[in-house]
């Protein structure tokens, strides 16, 4: 019981401290979503704590993901006018992005000569984690590999996204939101809100559409590679 509470509080404190530092020094390598897992994993490994012990208390944080996702509806409602105005552009862009992400992931793993299980595990990595795990299970992938690849995709998109925006001079909140929501799911939404509330709202819609498109297209697309 003590260990459960300790590691729960430890994770919250580390995240809070990382967020405070990031606000003062907004560098990509200081992003809380990157720093917090590194410190927490290093700490539990050095203390010899099992994942079961850590997760016995910290699962409360995981359980809060669903209500936090639903809470995005409030921000979406506040920017309903933008979402309505650019509904077609967002839908077409996200659909193309989701299909391209799935096809390129499966294509590259196939070109590298990986076995079919890894192809099926890595292909849905651009969908948000719960949907990616469901897709992986549905098409025969390994959920553990999918979870790791989805996490890496989110962090990578969150780090590279601002550079792409800077180099390509994306000034529209719609373009920025589609970029983050399609390529980096929930991690991208977190980054998108740093630009503006409208960018975060578009990213939220993009993440949901990406998950829906990937879920619908996965059974057909994966049959082309395995």
Foldseek 3Di string as FASTA:
>chain_A
DVLLVVLQVVLVVQLVVLVVVCVVPVDLCSPSLNPSVVVSVVVCVVVVHDPCSNCVNNVVVVVCPVVVLVVLVVLLVVPVVVCVVCVVVLLVLLLVLLVVQLLVQLVVCVVVVHDLQLSLLQRNLQAPLVLSLVSSVVQRHDSVSSNVSNSVQQSVLLSCLVVCCVVVVDDDLLVSLLSQLRRRNPSSLVSSVVVHSSSSSNSSVSNVSSSVSCSVCVVVSSVVRD
